[in-house]
C-alpha atoms as a PDB file:
ATOM      1  CA  MET A   1       0.067  -0.018   0.024  1.00  0.00           C
ATOM      2  CA  ILE A   2       1.093   3.407  -0.564  1.00  0.00           C
ATOM      3  CA  GLY A   3       2.807   5.224   2.495  1.00  0.00           C
ATOM      4  CA  LEU A   4       2.877   2.184   4.509  1.00  0.00           C
ATOM      5  CA  THR A   5       6.472   0.776   5.502  1.00  0.00           C
ATOM      6  CA  GLU A   6       6.868  -2.819   4.465  1.00  0.00           C
ATOM      7  CA  THR A   7       7.737  -4.239   8.225  1.00  0.00           C
ATOM      8  CA  ARG A   8       6.503  -1.947  11.075  1.00  0.00           C
ATOM      9  CA  ALA A   9       8.189  -2.391  14.503  1.00  0.00           C
ATOM     10  CA  LYS A  10       6.157  -4.513  17.381  1.00  0.00           C
ATOM     11  CA  ALA A  11       4.100  -2.587  19.521  1.00  0.00           C
ATOM     12  CA  THR A  12       4.935  -2.560  23.293  1.00  0.00           C
ATOM     13  CA  ILE A  13       2.380  -4.031  25.335  1.00  0.00           C
ATOM     14  CA  ARG A  14       2.230  -3.341  28.959  1.00  0.00           C
ATOM     15  CA  ARG A  15      -0.519  -4.908  31.482  1.00  0.00           C
ATOM     16  CA  LYS A  16      -1.185  -1.997  34.138  1.00  0.00           C
ATOM     17  CA  ASP A  17      -3.072  -3.912  36.508  1.00  0.00           C
ATOM     18  CA  ARG A  18      -5.931  -7.091  37.117  1.00  0.00           C
ATOM     19  CA  LEU A  19      -8.862  -6.929  38.772  1.00  0.00           C
ATOM     20  CA  GLN A  20     -10.943  -9.502  40.008  1.00  0.00           C
ATOM     21  CA  ASN A  21     -14.847  -9.831  40.705  1.00  0.00           C
ATOM     22  CA  ASP A  22     -17.782 -12.062  40.174  1.00  0.00           C
ATOM     23  CA  TRP A  23     -18.865 -11.663  36.533  1.00  0.00           C
ATOM     24  CA  ALA A  24     -15.327 -11.010  35.206  1.00  0.00           C
ATOM     25  CA  GLN A  25     -11.204 -10.899  35.029  1.00  0.00           C
ATOM     26  CA  LEU A  26     -10.473  -7.526  34.018  1.00  0.00           C
ATOM     27  CA  ASP A  27      -6.919  -6.739  32.790  1.00  0.00           C
ATOM     28  CA  LYS A  28      -5.936  -3.159  32.008  1.00  0.00           C
ATOM     29  CA  PHE A  29      -3.559  -2.555  29.029  1.00  0.00           C
ATOM     30  CA  VAL A  30      -1.468   0.032  27.034  1.00  0.00           C
ATOM     31  CA  PHE A  31      -0.411  -0.699  23.370  1.00  0.00           C
ATOM     32  CA  GLN A  32       2.193   1.426  21.878  1.00  0.00           C
ATOM     33  CA  GLN A  33       3.842   1.447  18.646  1.00  0.00           C
ATOM     34  CA  PRO A  34       7.610   3.021  18.766  1.00  0.00           C
ATOM     35  CA  ASP A  35       6.161   6.159  16.886  1.00  0.00           C
ATOM     36  CA  GLY A  36       3.163   6.174  18.143  1.00  0.00           C
ATOM     37  CA  MET A  37       0.903   7.305  20.456  1.00  0.00           C
ATOM     38  CA  PRO A  38      -0.208   5.095  23.736  1.00  0.00           C
ATOM     39  CA  VAL A  39      -3.461   3.399  23.218  1.00  0.00           C
ATOM     40  CA  SER A  40      -5.528   2.221  26.679  1.00  0.00           C
ATOM     41  CA  ALA A  41      -7.712  -1.029  26.599  1.00  0.00           C
ATOM     42  CA  LEU A  42      -9.290  -3.502  28.864  1.00  0.00           C
ATOM     43  CA  LEU A  43      -9.798  -7.026  28.538  1.00  0.00           C
ATOM     44  CA  PHE A  44     -12.895  -8.896  30.026  1.00  0.00           C
ATOM     45  CA  ARG A  45     -12.200 -12.314  30.762  1.00  0.00           C
ATOM     46  CA  PRO A  46     -15.868 -13.888  32.063  1.00  0.00           C
ATOM     47  CA  PRO A  47     -15.409 -17.005  33.884  1.00  0.00           C
ATOM     48  CA  ASN A  48     -15.509 -20.622  32.382  1.00  0.00           C
ATOM     49  CA  HIS A  49     -19.168 -22.030  31.867  1.00  0.00           C
ATOM     50  CA  GLY A  50     -18.535 -25.669  32.458  1.00  0.00           C
ATOM     51  CA  ASN A  51     -15.989 -26.631  29.490  1.00  0.00           C
ATOM     52  CA  ARG A  52     -17.000 -23.903  27.255  1.00  0.00           C
ATOM     53  CA  ARG A  53     -14.811 -20.468  27.276  1.00  0.00           C
ATOM     54  CA  LEU A  54     -16.511 -17.167  26.537  1.00  0.00           C
ATOM     55  CA  ASP A  55     -15.010 -15.034  24.072  1.00  0.00           C
ATOM     56  CA  ALA A  56     -12.927 -12.046  25.258  1.00  0.00           C
ATOM     57  CA  VAL A  57     -13.536  -8.452  24.637  1.00  0.00           C
ATOM     58  CA  ILE A  58     -11.103  -5.527  24.331  1.00  0.00           C
ATOM     59  CA  ILE A  59     -12.538  -1.881  24.991  1.00  0.00           C
ATOM     60  CA  ALA A  60     -10.430   1.005  23.822  1.00  0.00           C
ATOM     61  CA  ASP A  61     -12.190   4.451  24.807  1.00  0.00           C
ATOM     62  CA  GLY A  62     -10.566   7.878  24.035  1.00  0.00           C
ATOM     63  CA  ARG A  63     -12.763   9.387  26.893  1.00  0.00           C
ATOM     64  CA  GLY A  64     -10.827   7.186  29.409  1.00  0.00           C
ATOM     65  CA  MET A  65     -11.238   3.631  31.101  1.00  0.00           C
ATOM     66  CA  ALA A  66     -13.121   5.130  34.152  1.00  0.00           C
ATOM     67  CA  ARG A  67     -15.999   6.057  31.906  1.00  0.00           C
ATOM     68  CA  VAL A  68     -16.424   2.687  30.695  1.00  0.00           C
ATOM     69  CA  MET A  69     -16.349   1.122  33.671  1.00  0.00           C
ATOM     70  CA  LYS A  70     -18.968   3.475  35.154  1.00  0.00           C
ATOM     71  CA  SER A  71     -21.069   3.204  31.981  1.00  0.00           C
ATOM     72  CA  THR A  72     -24.279   1.175  31.622  1.00  0.00           C
ATOM     73  CA  LEU A  73     -22.310  -1.199  28.756  1.00  0.00           C
ATOM     74  CA  VAL A  74     -20.328  -2.801  31.271  1.00  0.00           C
ATOM     75  CA  ARG A  75     -22.502  -5.035  33.750  1.00  0.00           C
END
């Protein structure tokens, strides 16, 4: 593609915190390219139900992770 380099440096991924409650395990991450701005993300891992694993969901919100956690989207 025009304007994109053939190879990209790997992003740095840092786990900042891990919380656990009765509905999910929550990991806070920061992703950053060497030449880019950091991107915050939350990884929700619902508990296993028997042998069936549920999908994990990543949410990145420019208005802040605290807003997402307080919203009605996460219950």
